[in-house]
């Protein structure tokens, strides 16, 4: 049985299965996964994408 890869949406911080992400975006060579097109659109429109990435990294250190 294959272990499912869990990723975190950088906008809403929801944990999702990578294969079930509804949208993705590439920023500075890294692929980010989103639970919805709304979160992806918000990320893509935001000038300071680093704010989302910082929040996601802080949340990941704390764990789900």
N, C-alpha and C. Protein backbone atom coordinates (compact mmCIF):
# COMPACT_ATOMS: atom_id res chain seq x y z
N UNK A 1 0.85 -1.18 0.00
CA UNK A 1 0.00 0.00 0.00
C UNK A 1 0.89 1.24 0.00
N UNK A 2 0.63 2.13 -0.92
CA UNK A 2 1.44 3.33 -1.07
C UNK A 2 1.01 4.41 -0.08
N UNK A 3 2.00 5.02 0.56
CA UNK A 3 1.72 6.10 1.52
C UNK A 3 1.32 7.36 0.75
N UNK A 4 0.26 8.01 1.21
CA UNK A 4 -0.22 9.22 0.55
C UNK A 4 0.63 10.41 0.97
N UNK A 5 0.98 11.24 0.00
CA UNK A 5 1.78 12.44 0.25
C UNK A 5 0.83 13.56 0.66
N UNK A 6 1.05 14.10 1.86
CA UNK A 6 0.23 15.19 2.38
C UNK A 6 0.99 16.50 2.19
N UNK A 7 0.29 17.49 1.68
CA UNK A 7 0.86 18.82 1.47
C UNK A 7 -0.05 19.85 2.14
N UNK A 8 0.44 21.06 2.25
CA UNK A 8 -0.35 22.10 2.89
C UNK A 8 -0.61 23.25 1.93
N UNK A 9 -1.85 23.66 1.87
CA UNK A 9 -2.24 24.82 1.07
C UNK A 9 -1.65 26.05 1.77
N UNK A 10 -0.82 26.85 1.07
CA UNK A 10 -0.17 27.99 1.72
C UNK A 10 -1.12 29.15 2.04
N UNK A 11 -2.31 29.15 1.50
CA UNK A 11 -3.24 30.25 1.75
C UNK A 11 -4.11 29.98 2.98
N UNK A 12 -4.83 28.85 2.96
CA UNK A 12 -5.75 28.56 4.07
C UNK A 12 -5.13 27.62 5.10
N UNK A 13 -3.95 27.08 4.78
CA UNK A 13 -3.18 26.19 5.66
C UNK A 13 -3.82 24.82 5.85
N UNK A 14 -4.77 24.47 5.01
CA UNK A 14 -5.41 23.15 5.08
C UNK A 14 -4.44 22.08 4.56
N UNK A 15 -4.41 20.94 5.24
CA UNK A 15 -3.62 19.80 4.76
C UNK A 15 -4.47 19.00 3.79
N UNK A 16 -3.86 18.65 2.65
CA UNK A 16 -4.57 17.90 1.62
C UNK A 16 -3.64 16.84 1.04
N UNK A 17 -4.23 15.81 0.43
CA UNK A 17 -3.43 14.83 -0.30
C UNK A 17 -2.96 15.50 -1.60
N UNK A 18 -1.66 15.37 -1.87
CA UNK A 18 -1.10 16.04 -3.05
C UNK A 18 -1.84 15.64 -4.32
N UNK A 19 -2.18 14.36 -4.46
CA UNK A 19 -2.86 13.90 -5.66
C UNK A 19 -4.29 14.42 -5.79
N UNK A 20 -4.85 14.94 -4.70
CA UNK A 20 -6.23 15.44 -4.73
C UNK A 20 -6.30 16.97 -4.73
N UNK A 21 -5.16 17.63 -4.83
CA UNK A 21 -5.15 19.09 -4.89
C UNK A 21 -5.94 19.53 -6.12
N UNK A 22 -6.75 20.56 -5.95
CA UNK A 22 -7.57 21.04 -7.06
C UNK A 22 -6.82 22.00 -7.97
N UNK A 23 -5.69 22.53 -7.49
CA UNK A 23 -4.92 23.47 -8.30
C UNK A 23 -3.49 23.51 -7.80
N UNK A 24 -2.59 23.94 -8.68
CA UNK A 24 -1.18 24.12 -8.30
C UNK A 24 -0.67 25.42 -8.89
N UNK A 25 0.42 25.89 -8.31
CA UNK A 25 1.08 27.08 -8.80
C UNK A 25 2.57 26.89 -8.57
N UNK A 26 3.38 27.34 -9.50
CA UNK A 26 4.84 27.27 -9.33
C UNK A 26 5.35 28.67 -9.04
N UNK A 27 6.11 28.77 -7.97
CA UNK A 27 6.69 30.06 -7.56
C UNK A 27 8.15 29.81 -7.17
N UNK A 28 9.05 30.49 -7.83
CA UNK A 28 10.49 30.35 -7.60
C UNK A 28 10.93 28.89 -7.65
N UNK A 29 10.38 28.15 -8.61
CA UNK A 29 10.79 26.77 -8.83
C UNK A 29 10.16 25.73 -7.91
N UNK A 30 9.29 26.16 -7.00
CA UNK A 30 8.62 25.24 -6.08
C UNK A 30 7.14 25.16 -6.45
N UNK A 31 6.60 23.94 -6.46
CA UNK A 31 5.18 23.75 -6.74
C UNK A 31 4.41 23.83 -5.43
N UNK A 32 3.37 24.65 -5.41
CA UNK A 32 2.48 24.78 -4.27
C UNK A 32 1.14 24.20 -4.66
N UNK A 33 0.51 23.53 -3.70
CA UNK A 33 -0.75 22.82 -3.94
C UNK A 33 -1.88 23.50 -3.18
N UNK A 34 -3.06 23.53 -3.81
CA UNK A 34 -4.19 24.26 -3.24
C UNK A 34 -5.43 23.39 -3.14
N UNK A 35 -6.21 23.64 -2.07
CA UNK A 35 -7.44 22.90 -1.85
C UNK A 35 -8.56 23.40 -2.76
N UNK A 36 -8.41 24.61 -3.29
CA UNK A 36 -9.46 25.19 -4.14
C UNK A 36 -8.85 26.18 -5.13
N UNK A 37 -9.61 26.48 -6.15
CA UNK A 37 -9.17 27.47 -7.12
C UNK A 37 -9.17 28.87 -6.50
N UNK A 38 -10.03 29.08 -5.52
CA UNK A 38 -10.08 30.36 -4.82
C UNK A 38 -8.74 30.63 -4.10
N UNK A 39 -8.20 29.61 -3.42
CA UNK A 39 -6.92 29.78 -2.73
C UNK A 39 -5.80 30.01 -3.75
N UNK A 40 -5.81 29.26 -4.86
CA UNK A 40 -4.79 29.45 -5.89
C UNK A 40 -4.86 30.86 -6.45
N UNK A 41 -6.07 31.33 -6.75
CA UNK A 41 -6.23 32.68 -7.31
C UNK A 41 -5.72 33.73 -6.34
N UNK A 42 -6.01 33.55 -5.06
CA UNK A 42 -5.54 34.51 -4.06
C UNK A 42 -4.01 34.52 -4.01
N UNK A 43 -3.39 33.35 -4.03
CA UNK A 43 -1.94 33.23 -4.03
C UNK A 43 -1.35 33.89 -5.28
N UNK A 44 -1.92 33.60 -6.44
CA UNK A 44 -1.41 34.13 -7.71
C UNK A 44 -1.54 35.65 -7.80
N UNK A 45 -2.60 36.21 -7.21
CA UNK A 45 -2.82 37.67 -7.25
C UNK A 45 -1.95 38.42 -6.26
N UNK A 46 -1.54 37.75 -5.20
CA UNK A 46 -0.81 38.41 -4.11
C UNK A 46 0.60 38.79 -4.55
N UNK A 47 0.96 40.04 -4.36
CA UNK A 47 2.30 40.52 -4.69
C UNK A 47 3.33 39.89 -3.75
N UNK A 48 3.01 39.84 -2.45
CA UNK A 48 3.93 39.31 -1.44
C UNK A 48 3.60 37.86 -1.12
N UNK A 49 3.93 36.97 -2.05
CA UNK A 49 3.66 35.54 -1.86
C UNK A 49 4.43 34.98 -0.66
N UNK A 50 5.53 35.62 -0.31
CA UNK A 50 6.36 35.15 0.81
C UNK A 50 5.58 35.14 2.13
N UNK A 51 4.58 36.01 2.29
CA UNK A 51 3.78 36.01 3.52
C UNK A 51 3.05 34.69 3.69
N UNK A 52 2.51 34.14 2.60
CA UNK A 52 1.82 32.85 2.66
C UNK A 52 2.82 31.73 2.98
N UNK A 53 3.97 31.79 2.34
CA UNK A 53 4.98 30.75 2.53
C UNK A 53 5.49 30.76 3.97
N UNK A 54 5.70 31.93 4.54
CA UNK A 54 6.14 32.03 5.95
C UNK A 54 5.11 31.42 6.88
N UNK A 55 3.83 31.77 6.68
CA UNK A 55 2.76 31.22 7.53
C UNK A 55 2.68 29.71 7.40
N UNK A 56 2.82 29.21 6.17
CA UNK A 56 2.75 27.77 5.95
C UNK A 56 3.93 27.08 6.66
N UNK A 57 5.13 27.63 6.54
CA UNK A 57 6.30 27.02 7.18
C UNK A 57 6.15 27.03 8.70
N UNK A 58 5.63 28.10 9.27
CA UNK A 58 5.40 28.16 10.71
C UNK A 58 4.38 27.11 11.13
N UNK A 59 3.32 26.97 10.36
CA UNK A 59 2.28 25.99 10.68
C UNK A 59 2.81 24.56 10.57
N UNK A 60 3.65 24.30 9.58
CA UNK A 60 4.19 22.96 9.39
C UNK A 60 5.12 22.58 10.54
N UNK A 61 5.83 23.53 11.10
CA UNK A 61 6.70 23.25 12.25
C UNK A 61 5.88 22.82 13.45
N UNK A 62 4.66 23.36 13.55
CA UNK A 62 3.79 23.02 14.68
C UNK A 62 3.09 21.68 14.45
N UNK A 63 2.96 21.28 13.20
CA UNK A 63 2.30 20.00 12.86
C UNK A 63 0.81 20.15 12.72
N UNK A 64 0.18 19.12 12.11
CA UNK A 64 -1.28 19.19 11.88
C UNK A 64 -2.07 19.03 13.17
